[in-house]
C-alpha atoms as a PDB file:
ATOM      1  CA  MET A   1     -52.780   8.338  36.863  1.00  0.00           C
ATOM      2  CA  ASN A   2     -49.976   6.644  38.033  1.00  0.00           C
ATOM      3  CA  LYS A   3     -49.481   7.216  41.351  1.00  0.00           C
ATOM      4  CA  LEU A   4     -45.425   7.074  43.087  1.00  0.00           C
ATOM      5  CA  ILE A   5     -44.848   8.442  46.012  1.00  0.00           C
ATOM      6  CA  LYS A   6     -41.122   8.221  47.790  1.00  0.00           C
ATOM      7  CA  VAL A   7     -39.834   9.825  51.017  1.00  0.00           C
ATOM      8  CA  GLY A   8     -35.970  10.381  52.108  1.00  0.00           C
ATOM      9  CA  CYS A   9     -34.031  11.218  54.416  1.00  0.00           C
ATOM     10  CA  SER A  10     -30.730  12.350  54.081  1.00  0.00           C
ATOM     11  CA  ALA A  11     -27.581  13.283  56.373  1.00  0.00           C
ATOM     12  CA  LEU A  12     -24.765  15.520  54.376  1.00  0.00           C
ATOM     13  CA  CYS A  13     -21.393  15.148  56.277  1.00  0.00           C
ATOM     14  CA  GLY A  14     -19.694  18.333  55.868  1.00  0.00           C
ATOM     15  CA  SER A  15     -16.245  18.290  57.358  1.00  0.00           C
ATOM     16  CA  LEU A  16     -15.612  15.045  58.597  1.00  0.00           C
ATOM     17  CA  ALA A  17     -11.919  15.067  58.300  1.00  0.00           C
ATOM     18  CA  THR A  18      -8.940  17.588  57.956  1.00  0.00           C
ATOM     19  CA  ILE A  19      -5.571  15.643  57.325  1.00  0.00           C
ATOM     20  CA  ALA A  20      -2.856  19.362  56.653  1.00  0.00           C
ATOM     21  CA  SER A  21       0.483  18.594  54.616  1.00  0.00           C
ATOM     22  CA  ALA A  22       3.410  20.517  55.629  1.00  0.00           C
ATOM     23  CA  THR A  23       4.443  21.467  52.394  1.00  0.00           C
ATOM     24  CA  ALA A  24       1.400  21.453  50.154  1.00  0.00           C
ATOM     25  CA  GLY A  25      -2.175  21.885  51.600  1.00  0.00           C
ATOM     26  CA  GLU A  26      -4.936  20.305  53.450  1.00  0.00           C
ATOM     27  CA  MET A  27      -6.987  17.155  52.167  1.00  0.00           C
ATOM     28  CA  THR A  28     -10.930  17.526  53.839  1.00  0.00           C
ATOM     29  CA  VAL A  29     -13.062  14.300  53.646  1.00  0.00           C
ATOM     30  CA  SER A  30     -17.039  15.200  53.216  1.00  0.00           C
ATOM     31  CA  GLY A  31     -20.277  12.488  52.891  1.00  0.00           C
ATOM     32  CA  SER A  32     -23.837  11.873  52.178  1.00  0.00           C
ATOM     33  CA  ALA A  33     -26.441   8.966  53.626  1.00  0.00           C
ATOM     34  CA  ASP A  34     -30.203   9.388  52.376  1.00  0.00           C
ATOM     35  CA  VAL A  35     -32.949   6.836  53.290  1.00  0.00           C
ATOM     36  CA  THR A  36     -35.841   6.423  51.197  1.00  0.00           C
ATOM     37  CA  TRP A  37     -39.613   4.991  51.203  1.00  0.00           C
ATOM     38  CA  LEU A  38     -40.678   4.582  48.138  1.00  0.00           C
ATOM     39  CA  SER A  39     -44.597   3.796  47.372  1.00  0.00           C
ATOM     40  CA  LYS A  40     -45.517   2.639  44.309  1.00  0.00           C
ATOM     41  CA  THR A  41     -49.569   2.679  43.332  1.00  0.00           C
ATOM     42  CA  LYS A  42     -51.043  -0.451  41.531  1.00  0.00           C
ATOM     43  CA  ALA A  43     -47.528  -1.894  41.280  1.00  0.00           C
ATOM     44  CA  VAL A  44     -45.788  -4.515  43.037  1.00  0.00           C
ATOM     45  CA  THR A  45     -43.769  -2.216  45.568  1.00  0.00           C
ATOM     46  CA  GLY A  46     -41.379  -5.279  47.258  1.00  0.00           C
ATOM     47  CA  ASN A  47     -39.218  -3.615  50.568  1.00  0.00           C
ATOM     48  CA  PRO A  48     -39.602   0.195  49.983  1.00  0.00           C
ATOM     49  CA  ILE A  49     -36.505   1.182  51.931  1.00  0.00           C
ATOM     50  CA  GLY A  50     -33.291   2.143  50.270  1.00  0.00           C
ATOM     51  CA  VAL A  51     -30.497   3.543  51.423  1.00  0.00           C
ATOM     52  CA  ASN A  52     -27.585   5.347  49.497  1.00  0.00           C
ATOM     53  CA  SER A  53     -23.716   6.721  50.489  1.00  0.00           C
ATOM     54  CA  ALA A  54     -20.948   8.427  49.192  1.00  0.00           C
ATOM     55  CA  LEU A  55     -17.617  10.136  49.822  1.00  0.00           C
ATOM     56  CA  THR A  56     -15.686  13.342  48.500  1.00  0.00           C
ATOM     57  CA  PHE A  57     -12.410  13.593  49.220  1.00  0.00           C
ATOM     58  CA  LYS A  58     -11.071  17.442  48.632  1.00  0.00           C
ATOM     59  CA  GLY A  59      -7.516  18.632  48.733  1.00  0.00           C
ATOM     60  CA  SER A  60      -5.937  21.960  47.921  1.00  0.00           C
ATOM     61  CA  GLY A  61      -2.800  23.727  48.106  1.00  0.00           C
ATOM     62  CA  GLU A  62      -0.956  27.140  46.743  1.00  0.00           C
ATOM     63  CA  LEU A  63       2.214  27.427  44.760  1.00  0.00           C
ATOM     64  CA  ASP A  64       4.767  30.026  45.292  1.00  0.00           C
ATOM     65  CA  ASN A  65       3.798  32.152  42.738  1.00  0.00           C
ATOM     66  CA  GLY A  66       0.122  31.879  43.663  1.00  0.00           C
ATOM     67  CA  TRP A  67      -1.207  29.839  41.490  1.00  0.00           C
ATOM     68  CA  THR A  68      -3.857  27.738  43.555  1.00  0.00           C
ATOM     69  CA  PHE A  69      -4.661  23.946  42.878  1.00  0.00           C
ATOM     70  CA  ASP A  70      -6.928  20.988  43.959  1.00  0.00           C
ATOM     71  CA  TYR A  71      -7.790  17.215  43.748  1.00  0.00           C
ATOM     72  CA  THR A  72     -11.225  16.006  43.850  1.00  0.00           C
ATOM     73  CA  ILE A  73     -12.580  12.431  44.347  1.00  0.00           C
ATOM     74  CA  ALA A  74     -15.891  10.330  44.591  1.00  0.00           C
ATOM     75  CA  ASN A  75     -17.255   7.214  46.324  1.00  0.00           C
ATOM     76  CA  LEU A  76     -20.474   5.526  45.688  1.00  0.00           C
ATOM     77  CA  ASP A  77     -21.830   3.133  47.679  1.00  0.00           C
ATOM     78  CA  ALA A  78     -19.759   0.367  48.894  1.00  0.00           C
ATOM     79  CA  SER A  79     -16.490   2.433  48.049  1.00  0.00           C
ATOM     80  CA  ALA A  80     -16.895   1.890  44.944  1.00  0.00           C
ATOM     81  CA  PHE A  81     -14.874   5.167  42.344  1.00  0.00           C
ATOM     82  CA  SER A  82     -16.917   7.600  40.817  1.00  0.00           C
ATOM     83  CA  SER A  83     -14.980  10.476  39.462  1.00  0.00           C
ATOM     84  CA  ALA A  84     -11.668  12.599  40.075  1.00  0.00           C
ATOM     85  CA  ALA A  85     -10.831  15.897  39.211  1.00  0.00           C
ATOM     86  CA  VAL A  86      -7.368  18.200  38.923  1.00  0.00           C
ATOM     87  CA  GLY A  87      -7.979  21.067  38.963  1.00  0.00           C
ATOM     88  CA  LEU A  88      -5.355  24.350  38.597  1.00  0.00           C
ATOM     89  CA  THR A  89      -6.047  27.899  39.112  1.00  0.00           C
ATOM     90  CA  MET A  90      -3.252  29.993  37.252  1.00  0.00           C
ATOM     91  CA  GLY A  91      -4.889  33.577  38.895  1.00  0.00           C
ATOM     92  CA  GLY A  92      -5.644  36.133  36.136  1.00  0.00           C
ATOM     93  CA  LEU A  93      -4.425  32.978  32.638  1.00  0.00           C
ATOM     94  CA  GLY A  94      -7.471  31.018  33.717  1.00  0.00           C
ATOM     95  CA  SER A  95      -7.841  27.644  34.827  1.00  0.00           C
ATOM     96  CA  ILE A  96      -7.126  24.300  33.774  1.00  0.00           C
ATOM     97  CA  ASN A  97      -9.063  21.560  34.667  1.00  0.00           C
ATOM     98  CA  VAL A  98      -8.286  17.949  33.661  1.00  0.00           C
ATOM     99  CA  ASN A  99     -11.280  15.391  34.138  1.00  0.00           C
ATOM    100  CA  GLN A 100     -12.025  11.892  34.257  1.00  0.00           C
ATOM    101  CA  GLY A 101     -15.676  12.006  33.294  1.00  0.00           C
ATOM    102  CA  ASP A 102     -18.249  13.328  36.089  1.00  0.00           C
ATOM    103  CA  SER A 103     -20.143  15.877  33.559  1.00  0.00           C
ATOM    104  CA  GLY A 104     -19.469  18.256  35.177  1.00  0.00           C
ATOM    105  CA  ASN A 105     -17.315  20.365  32.554  1.00  0.00           C
ATOM    106  CA  GLY A 106     -18.491  21.511  28.653  1.00  0.00           C
ATOM    107  CA  ILE A 107     -22.334  22.301  27.623  1.00  0.00           C
ATOM    108  CA  ALA A 108     -22.920  19.428  30.614  1.00  0.00           C
ATOM    109  CA  ALA A 109     -22.843  22.578  33.408  1.00  0.00           C
ATOM    110  CA  TYR A 110     -25.266  23.732  31.344  1.00  0.00           C
ATOM    111  CA  ASP A 111     -27.934  21.224  30.681  1.00  0.00           C
ATOM    112  CA  ASP A 112     -30.309  22.371  33.317  1.00  0.00           C
ATOM    113  CA  LYS A 113     -29.893  25.898  34.329  1.00  0.00           C
ATOM    114  CA  MET A 114     -33.263  26.394  35.223  1.00  0.00           C
ATOM    115  CA  PRO A 115     -34.255  28.329  38.437  1.00  0.00           C
ATOM    116  CA  SER A 116     -35.980  25.509  41.815  1.00  0.00           C
ATOM    117  CA  ALA A 117     -36.335  25.091  45.354  1.00  0.00           C
ATOM    118  CA  TRP A 118     -34.360  21.565  44.904  1.00  0.00           C
ATOM    119  CA  GLU A 119     -34.207  19.795  42.263  1.00  0.00           C
ATOM    120  CA  GLU A 120     -34.125  19.844  38.308  1.00  0.00           C
ATOM    121  CA  ALA A 121     -37.917  19.034  37.109  1.00  0.00           C
ATOM    122  CA  TRP A 122     -36.614  15.243  36.092  1.00  0.00           C
ATOM    123  CA  GLY A 123     -34.328  14.953  38.840  1.00  0.00           C
ATOM    124  CA  THR A 124     -37.159  14.343  41.671  1.00  0.00           C
ATOM    125  CA  GLY A 125     -36.856  10.700  41.296  1.00  0.00           C
ATOM    126  CA  LEU A 126     -39.815   9.919  38.558  1.00  0.00           C
ATOM    127  CA  SER A 127     -38.148   8.749  35.431  1.00  0.00           C
ATOM    128  CA  THR A 128     -39.159  10.687  32.279  1.00  0.00           C
ATOM    129  CA  GLY A 129     -36.543   9.816  29.082  1.00  0.00           C
ATOM    130  CA  VAL A 130     -35.759  13.320  29.129  1.00  0.00           C
ATOM    131  CA  ARG A 131     -32.107  13.444  27.165  1.00  0.00           C
ATOM    132  CA  LEU A 132     -30.621  15.746  28.253  1.00  0.00           C
ATOM    133  CA  ALA A 133     -26.801  17.503  26.624  1.00  0.00           C
ATOM    134  CA  VAL A 134     -24.036  16.277  27.548  1.00  0.00           C
ATOM    135  CA  GLY A 135     -21.302  16.739  25.519  1.00  0.00           C
ATOM    136  CA  GLY A 136     -17.516  15.788  25.632  1.00  0.00           C
ATOM    137  CA  ALA A 137     -18.075  15.848  29.902  1.00  0.00           C
ATOM    138  CA  ALA A 138     -18.435  12.452  30.062  1.00  0.00           C
ATOM    139  CA  SER A 139     -15.638  11.238  28.920  1.00  0.00           C
ATOM    140  CA  MET A 140     -11.627  11.906  30.173  1.00  0.00           C
ATOM    141  CA  ASN A 141     -11.513  15.506  29.008  1.00  0.00           C
ATOM    142  CA  VAL A 142      -9.120  18.423  29.709  1.00  0.00           C
ATOM    143  CA  THR A 143     -11.301  22.251  30.210  1.00  0.00           C
ATOM    144  CA  TYR A 144      -9.499  25.788  29.449  1.00  0.00           C
ATOM    145  CA  THR A 145     -11.821  28.093  31.494  1.00  0.00           C
ATOM    146  CA  THR A 146     -10.405  31.854  31.239  1.00  0.00           C
ATOM    147  CA  PRO A 147     -10.910  34.491  33.923  1.00  0.00           C
ATOM    148  CA  THR A 148     -14.296  36.252  34.290  1.00  0.00           C
ATOM    149  CA  VAL A 149     -13.462  39.711  31.501  1.00  0.00           C
ATOM    150  CA  LEU A 150     -16.599  42.183  31.230  1.00  0.00           C
ATOM    151  CA  GLY A 151     -19.048  40.076  32.288  1.00  0.00           C
ATOM    152  CA  THR A 152     -18.025  37.009  29.907  1.00  0.00           C
ATOM    153  CA  THR A 153     -16.508  33.939  30.945  1.00  0.00           C
ATOM    154  CA  ILE A 154     -15.462  31.014  27.841  1.00  0.00           C
ATOM    155  CA  SER A 155     -14.632  27.656  28.597  1.00  0.00           C
ATOM    156  CA  ILE A 156     -13.018  24.449  26.036  1.00  0.00           C
ATOM    157  CA  LEU A 157     -13.131  21.155  26.439  1.00  0.00           C
ATOM    158  CA  TYR A 158     -11.416  18.517  24.260  1.00  0.00           C
ATOM    159  CA  ALA A 159     -11.792  14.769  24.819  1.00  0.00           C
ATOM    160  CA  PRO A 160      -9.781  12.296  22.928  1.00  0.00           C
ATOM    161  CA  GLN A 161     -12.061   9.792  22.934  1.00  0.00           C
ATOM    162  CA  TYR A 162     -15.252  10.047  23.575  1.00  0.00           C
ATOM    163  CA  GLY A 163     -16.632   7.865  25.448  1.00  0.00           C
ATOM    164  CA  VAL A 164     -14.008   6.994  27.753  1.00  0.00           C
ATOM    165  CA  ALA A 165     -13.851   7.261  31.021  1.00  0.00           C
ATOM    166  CA  ASP A 166     -11.476   6.552  34.765  1.00  0.00           C
ATOM    167  CA  THR A 167      -8.207   5.626  32.785  1.00  0.00           C
ATOM    168  CA  GLY A 168      -5.456   5.419  35.674  1.00  0.00           C
ATOM    169  CA  ASP A 169      -2.345   7.340  35.371  1.00  0.00           C
ATOM    170  CA  LYS A 170       1.046   6.119  32.674  1.00  0.00           C
ATOM    171  CA  ALA A 171      -2.570   3.828  30.416  1.00  0.00           C
ATOM    172  CA  THR A 172      -3.947   4.620  27.315  1.00  0.00           C
ATOM    173  CA  ALA A 173      -7.667   3.315  26.326  1.00  0.00           C
ATOM    174  CA  SER A 174     -10.258   2.967  24.253  1.00  0.00           C
ATOM    175  CA  ASN A 175     -13.953   2.421  23.929  1.00  0.00           C
ATOM    176  CA  ASP A 176     -13.252   0.122  20.289  1.00  0.00           C
ATOM    177  CA  THR A 177     -16.560   1.759  18.713  1.00  0.00           C
ATOM    178  CA  TYR A 178     -16.889   4.321  16.409  1.00  0.00           C
ATOM    179  CA  ARG A 179     -16.895   7.309  18.362  1.00  0.00           C
ATOM    180  CA  ASP A 180     -13.452   9.579  18.287  1.00  0.00           C
ATOM    181  CA  SER A 181     -12.782  13.060  19.940  1.00  0.00           C
ATOM    182  CA  ALA A 182     -14.661  15.242  21.072  1.00  0.00           C
ATOM    183  CA  MET A 183     -14.521  19.270  21.876  1.00  0.00           C
ATOM    184  CA  ASP A 184     -16.717  21.339  23.781  1.00  0.00           C
ATOM    185  CA  ALA A 185     -17.161  25.410  23.754  1.00  0.00           C
ATOM    186  CA  THR A 186     -19.078  27.199  26.456  1.00  0.00           C
ATOM    187  CA  ILE A 187     -19.926  30.812  27.007  1.00  0.00           C
ATOM    188  CA  ASN A 188     -21.899  32.332  30.106  1.00  0.00           C
ATOM    189  CA  ILE A 189     -22.383  36.711  30.246  1.00  0.00           C
ATOM    190  CA  ASN A 190     -23.726  38.652  32.898  1.00  0.00           C
ATOM    191  CA  PRO A 191     -24.053  41.843  31.263  1.00  0.00           C
ATOM    192  CA  SER A 192     -24.538  43.817  34.488  1.00  0.00           C
ATOM    193  CA  LEU A 193     -22.996  47.348  33.178  1.00  0.00           C
ATOM    194  CA  GLY A 194     -22.422  48.348  36.708  1.00  0.00           C
ATOM    195  CA  THR A 195     -25.672  48.126  37.132  1.00  0.00           C
ATOM    196  CA  GLU A 196     -27.365  46.740  40.506  1.00  0.00           C
ATOM    197  CA  ILE A 197     -31.295  45.849  37.689  1.00  0.00           C
ATOM    198  CA  LEU A 198     -28.664  43.642  35.485  1.00  0.00           C
ATOM    199  CA  SER A 199     -26.906  41.945  37.758  1.00  0.00           C
ATOM    200  CA  GLY A 200     -29.320  38.787  38.338  1.00  0.00           C
ATOM    201  CA  LEU A 201     -29.262  38.796  34.673  1.00  0.00           C
ATOM    202  CA  ASN A 202     -27.068  36.094  33.004  1.00  0.00           C
ATOM    203  CA  VAL A 203     -26.910  34.761  29.433  1.00  0.00           C
ATOM    204  CA  PHE A 204     -25.635  31.148  28.136  1.00  0.00           C
ATOM    205  CA  ALA A 205     -24.609  29.060  25.508  1.00  0.00           C
ATOM    206  CA  GLY A 206     -22.674  26.496  24.413  1.00  0.00           C
ATOM    207  CA  ALA A 207     -22.024  23.655  21.565  1.00  0.00           C
ATOM    208  CA  SER A 208     -20.781  20.416  21.625  1.00  0.00           C
ATOM    209  CA  GLN A 209     -19.327  18.035  18.955  1.00  0.00           C
ATOM    210  CA  ILE A 210     -18.496  14.802  18.776  1.00  0.00           C
ATOM    211  CA  GLN A 211     -16.517  12.601  16.058  1.00  0.00           C
ATOM    212  CA  THR A 212     -17.037   9.680  14.777  1.00  0.00           C
ATOM    213  CA  VAL A 213     -15.749   7.165  12.140  1.00  0.00           C
ATOM    214  CA  ASP A 214     -18.378   5.315  10.538  1.00  0.00           C
ATOM    215  CA  ALA A 215     -17.532   2.760   7.765  1.00  0.00           C
ATOM    216  CA  SER A 216     -20.685   2.239   6.944  1.00  0.00           C
ATOM    217  CA  GLY A 217     -21.742   5.583   7.051  1.00  0.00           C
ATOM    218  CA  GLN A 218     -24.841   5.548   8.410  1.00  0.00           C
ATOM    219  CA  ARG A 219     -24.270   7.747  11.107  1.00  0.00           C
ATOM    220  CA  GLY A 220     -21.841  10.396  10.668  1.00  0.00           C
ATOM    221  CA  ASP A 221     -20.354  13.066  13.364  1.00  0.00           C
ATOM    222  CA  ALA A 222     -23.249  14.259  16.293  1.00  0.00           C
ATOM    223  CA  TYR A 223     -23.734  17.568  17.766  1.00  0.00           C
ATOM    224  CA  GLN A 224     -25.422  18.827  20.620  1.00  0.00           C
ATOM    225  CA  GLY A 225     -26.130  22.686  21.538  1.00  0.00           C
ATOM    226  CA  VAL A 226     -27.611  24.443  24.793  1.00  0.00           C
ATOM    227  CA  GLY A 227     -28.573  27.843  25.713  1.00  0.00           C
ATOM    228  CA  GLY A 228     -30.450  30.326  27.154  1.00  0.00           C
ATOM    229  CA  VAL A 229     -31.032  32.814  30.126  1.00  0.00           C
ATOM    230  CA  THR A 230     -31.359  33.348  34.057  1.00  0.00           C
ATOM    231  CA  TYR A 231     -32.677  36.707  35.700  1.00  0.00           C
ATOM    232  CA  SER A 232     -32.330  36.687  39.719  1.00  0.00           C
ATOM    233  CA  LEU A 233     -34.435  40.184  41.212  1.00  0.00           C
ATOM    234  CA  GLY A 234     -34.557  40.212  44.669  1.00  0.00           C
ATOM    235  CA  PRO A 235     -36.506  36.906  46.217  1.00  0.00           C
ATOM    236  CA  LEU A 236     -37.787  36.224  42.530  1.00  0.00           C
ATOM    237  CA  SER A 237     -35.899  34.103  40.258  1.00  0.00           C
ATOM    238  CA  ILE A 238     -36.429  32.727  36.531  1.00  0.00           C
ATOM    239  CA  GLY A 239     -35.319  31.204  33.559  1.00  0.00           C
ATOM    240  CA  TYR A 240     -36.201  29.348  30.418  1.00  0.00           C
ATOM    241  CA  GLN A 241     -33.794  27.432  28.032  1.00  0.00           C
ATOM    242  CA  VAL A 242     -33.426  25.318  24.062  1.00  0.00           C
ATOM    243  CA  SER A 243     -30.904  22.462  24.008  1.00  0.00           C
ATOM    244  CA  GLY A 244     -30.710  19.779  20.939  1.00  0.00           C
ATOM    245  CA  ASP A 245     -28.943  16.807  19.966  1.00  0.00           C
ATOM    246  CA  TYR A 246     -28.313  15.841  16.758  1.00  0.00           C
ATOM    247  CA  THR A 247     -27.265  12.227  17.090  1.00  0.00           C
ATOM    248  CA  GLY A 248     -25.274  11.730  13.240  1.00  0.00           C
ATOM    249  CA  TYR A 249     -27.517   8.426  11.721  1.00  0.00           C
ATOM    250  CA  ASP A 250     -28.457   9.242   8.514  1.00  0.00           C
ATOM    251  CA  ASP A 251     -32.843   8.611   8.218  1.00  0.00           C
ATOM    252  CA  VAL A 252     -32.396   7.178   4.821  1.00  0.00           C
ATOM    253  CA  LYS A 253     -29.863   4.919   5.297  1.00  0.00           C
ATOM    254  CA  VAL A 254     -30.657   3.777   9.299  1.00  0.00           C
ATOM    255  CA  THR A 255     -34.152   1.947   8.998  1.00  0.00           C
ATOM    256  CA  SER A 256     -34.598   0.715  12.598  1.00  0.00           C
ATOM    257  CA  PRO A 257     -37.301   1.619  14.409  1.00  0.00           C
ATOM    258  CA  SER A 258     -35.484   2.849  17.775  1.00  0.00           C
ATOM    259  CA  VAL A 259     -33.491   5.124  16.404  1.00  0.00           C
ATOM    260  CA  ASN A 260     -33.979   8.700  16.127  1.00  0.00           C
ATOM    261  CA  ASN A 261     -31.993  11.318  14.706  1.00  0.00           C
ATOM    262  CA  PHE A 262     -32.773  14.499  16.235  1.00  0.00           C
ATOM    263  CA  TYR A 263     -33.859  15.092  20.352  1.00  0.00           C
ATOM    264  CA  LYS A 264     -34.715  19.177  21.305  1.00  0.00           C
ATOM    265  CA  ASN A 265     -35.924  20.048  24.331  1.00  0.00           C
ATOM    266  CA  PHE A 266     -37.452  23.404  25.972  1.00  0.00           C
ATOM    267  CA  ALA A 267     -37.560  23.900  29.704  1.00  0.00           C
ATOM    268  CA  TYR A 268     -38.225  27.008  31.832  1.00  0.00           C
ATOM    269  CA  GLY A 269     -38.315  28.119  35.472  1.00  0.00           C
ATOM    270  CA  VAL A 270     -39.269  30.069  38.333  1.00  0.00           C
ATOM    271  CA  ALA A 271     -38.432  30.395  42.491  1.00  0.00           C
ATOM    272  CA  PHE A 272     -39.263  32.721  44.877  1.00  0.00           C
ATOM    273  CA  ASN A 273     -37.931  33.190  48.120  1.00  0.00           C
ATOM    274  CA  ILE A 274     -40.657  33.435  50.364  1.00  0.00           C
ATOM    275  CA  ASN A 275     -38.470  34.807  53.550  1.00  0.00           C
ATOM    276  CA  ASP A 276     -34.704  33.747  54.521  1.00  0.00           C
ATOM    277  CA  ASN A 277     -36.024  29.838  55.185  1.00  0.00           C
ATOM    278  CA  LEU A 278     -38.710  28.996  53.185  1.00  0.00           C
ATOM    279  CA  SER A 279     -38.791  29.127  49.217  1.00  0.00           C
ATOM    280  CA  VAL A 280     -41.416  27.906  46.086  1.00  0.00           C
ATOM    281  CA  SER A 281     -40.898  26.979  42.589  1.00  0.00           C
ATOM    282  CA  TYR A 282     -42.594  25.557  39.598  1.00  0.00           C
ATOM    283  CA  GLY A 283     -40.524  23.885  36.196  1.00  0.00           C
ATOM    284  CA  ALA A 284     -41.388  22.606  33.174  1.00  0.00           C
ATOM    285  CA  TRP A 285     -39.062  19.885  30.768  1.00  0.00           C
ATOM    286  CA  GLU A 286     -40.779  19.336  27.314  1.00  0.00           C
ATOM    287  CA  ALA A 287     -38.469  16.976  25.346  1.00  0.00           C
ATOM    288  CA  ARG A 288     -39.398  16.719  21.296  1.00  0.00           C
ATOM    289  CA  LYS A 289     -37.984  13.441  19.380  1.00  0.00           C
ATOM    290  CA  SER A 290     -37.788  13.120  15.788  1.00  0.00           C
ATOM    291  CA  GLY A 291     -36.452  11.484  12.506  1.00  0.00           C
ATOM    292  CA  HIS A 292     -37.908   9.018   9.535  1.00  0.00           C
ATOM    293  CA  SER A 293     -36.520   5.740  11.328  1.00  0.00           C
ATOM    294  CA  ASP A 294     -39.175   6.667  14.120  1.00  0.00           C
ATOM    295  CA  ALA A 295     -41.615   4.330  14.204  1.00  0.00           C
ATOM    296  CA  GLY A 296     -44.172   6.424  16.430  1.00  0.00           C
ATOM    297  CA  TYR A 297     -43.614   9.564  14.316  1.00  0.00           C
ATOM    298  CA  ASP A 298     -46.222  11.613  13.574  1.00  0.00           C
ATOM    299  CA  PRO A 299     -46.320  14.748  12.291  1.00  0.00           C
ATOM    300  CA  VAL A 300     -50.003  15.338  13.800  1.00  0.00           C
ATOM    301  CA  ASP A 301     -49.999  13.460  16.641  1.00  0.00           C
ATOM    302  CA  GLU A 302     -47.136  15.059  18.988  1.00  0.00           C
ATOM    303  CA  SER A 303     -47.860  13.014  22.053  1.00  0.00           C
ATOM    304  CA  LEU A 304     -45.746  10.121  20.119  1.00  0.00           C
ATOM    305  CA  ARG A 305     -42.932  11.872  20.071  1.00  0.00           C
ATOM    306  CA  THR A 306     -42.862  14.403  23.093  1.00  0.00           C
ATOM    307  CA  VAL A 307     -42.644  13.943  26.664  1.00  0.00           C
ATOM    308  CA  ILE A 308     -44.229  16.600  29.109  1.00  0.00           C
ATOM    309  CA  VAL A 309     -42.475  17.055  32.912  1.00  0.00           C
ATOM    310  CA  ASP A 310     -43.994  19.510  35.427  1.00  0.00           C
ATOM    311  CA  SER A 311     -42.611  20.016  38.999  1.00  0.00           C
ATOM    312  CA  ILE A 312     -44.099  21.877  42.135  1.00  0.00           C
ATOM    313  CA  GLN A 313     -41.136  22.015  44.831  1.00  0.00           C
ATOM    314  CA  ALA A 314     -41.130  23.095  48.367  1.00  0.00           C
ATOM    315  CA  ALA A 315     -37.840  23.732  50.612  1.00  0.00           C
ATOM    316  CA  TYR A 316     -37.837  25.369  54.161  1.00  0.00           C
ATOM    317  CA  THR A 317     -34.594  25.499  56.140  1.00  0.00           C
ATOM    318  CA  MET A 318     -34.534  25.260  59.968  1.00  0.00           C
ATOM    319  CA  GLY A 319     -30.778  25.645  61.258  1.00  0.00           C
ATOM    320  CA  GLY A 320     -28.906  22.464  60.129  1.00  0.00           C
ATOM    321  CA  ALA A 321     -32.103  20.961  58.728  1.00  0.00           C
ATOM    322  CA  THR A 322     -33.560  21.405  55.236  1.00  0.00           C
ATOM    323  CA  PHE A 323     -36.997  19.192  54.396  1.00  0.00           C
ATOM    324  CA  ARG A 324     -38.061  19.594  50.771  1.00  0.00           C
ATOM    325  CA  VAL A 325     -40.976  18.344  48.976  1.00  0.00           C
ATOM    326  CA  ALA A 326     -41.606  17.523  45.064  1.00  0.00           C
ATOM    327  CA  GLN A 327     -45.144  17.064  43.289  1.00  0.00           C
ATOM    328  CA  THR A 328     -43.976  16.235  39.955  1.00  0.00           C
ATOM    329  CA  THR A 329     -45.896  14.940  36.543  1.00  0.00           C
ATOM    330  CA  VAL A 330     -45.155  12.984  33.205  1.00  0.00           C
ATOM    331  CA  ASP A 331     -46.877  12.843  29.854  1.00  0.00           C
ATOM    332  CA  ASN A 332     -46.469  10.265  27.677  1.00  0.00           C
ATOM    333  CA  GLN A 333     -42.922   8.806  29.701  1.00  0.00           C
ATOM    334  CA  GLY A 334     -40.555   7.715  27.582  1.00  0.00           C
ATOM    335  CA  PHE A 335     -41.980   8.690  24.450  1.00  0.00           C
ATOM    336  CA  VAL A 336     -44.797   6.129  25.129  1.00  0.00           C
ATOM    337  CA  ALA A 337     -48.285   7.525  24.244  1.00  0.00           C
ATOM    338  CA  GLY A 338     -50.671   7.649  27.222  1.00  0.00           C
ATOM    339  CA  THR A 339     -48.148   6.314  29.800  1.00  0.00           C
ATOM    340  CA  ASN A 340     -48.608   9.275  32.580  1.00  0.00           C
ATOM    341  CA  VAL A 341     -46.655   8.877  35.755  1.00  0.00           C
ATOM    342  CA  GLU A 342     -47.143  11.235  38.583  1.00  0.00           C
ATOM    343  CA  ALA A 343     -44.639  10.857  42.038  1.00  0.00           C
ATOM    344  CA  THR A 344     -44.331  12.984  45.407  1.00  0.00           C
ATOM    345  CA  THR A 345     -40.847  12.894  47.362  1.00  0.00           C
ATOM    346  CA  VAL A 346     -40.420  14.113  50.393  1.00  0.00           C
ATOM    347  CA  SER A 347     -36.966  14.686  51.226  1.00  0.00           C
ATOM    348  CA  MET A 348     -35.204  15.839  54.900  1.00  0.00           C
ATOM    349  CA  GLY A 349     -31.375  16.822  54.853  1.00  0.00           C
ATOM    350  CA  LEU A 350     -29.221  16.986  57.762  1.00  0.00           C
ATOM    351  CA  ALA A 351     -25.743  18.790  57.915  1.00  0.00           C
ATOM    352  CA  PHE A 352     -22.901  18.832  59.178  1.00  0.00           C
END
């Protein structure tokens, strides 16, 4: 198997600056920096050193009636704008969030809820080809979330134009493609019923519809869905979830070999806190694609349409420092049969 070794060092800067407002609230600034060393086996590495930095500005305040509001804006490397969100929490009436498209609302919040010591199985720095269910959250959207009643929380997301993000005030924008509006609905239930043994149980589900306007008739509305369960008891956490993505392509009318009409994922994870400082986990993902237009489709040999990801992780915290390691393998990377890769990712994080 091809091996990839990745070493990372991150410095997470907590409250770098605080600016108080006499009438509204306060603004805080936090940041992070990552330094990586990447070594590839049987491939040209080049310069293995990488650096990444980010800043997050967050403002908050309170209205006279007790409602609270917040504003968050994120900047990536070289102060490049990333995303922004405005939230209003209305007490017993729930909350409203206006998001510029950072995949934090709707079913994207449940794309991978599996417990882990550090990262998602597919998120340790090794490209996998896994296709996540993100719904309308990658677009400018408005999300309403109900207050939690009997352990149940419901949210509704609406994106007037799918694929449009980061639109300025007093402006409109269009993606100029066949995509129209999108709507997500999610539910999370914690059926503890006042019992200690069920307090760590969460059942979640979500669905998304992305409307399509395609005069050719080759593509209809797209649908995505996710559902799963997680359970924590003492130091042990386990979880299982499934998700699916129907792209809307018509198998008969679309003949391109690069087009698939359906993707589905199965994932599970288990994490264990050995003590207050050390935790370990194992996570796995299996992603499949299907569709008559898929040139690699084979009803017998599933390796031609299945990606399998396994990740063993450990994290150790010592004061303000956290050391993490992940050993990840991917079979049939990018849905290419026989393309098997392996990565070891080591990271150190410093929090201030």
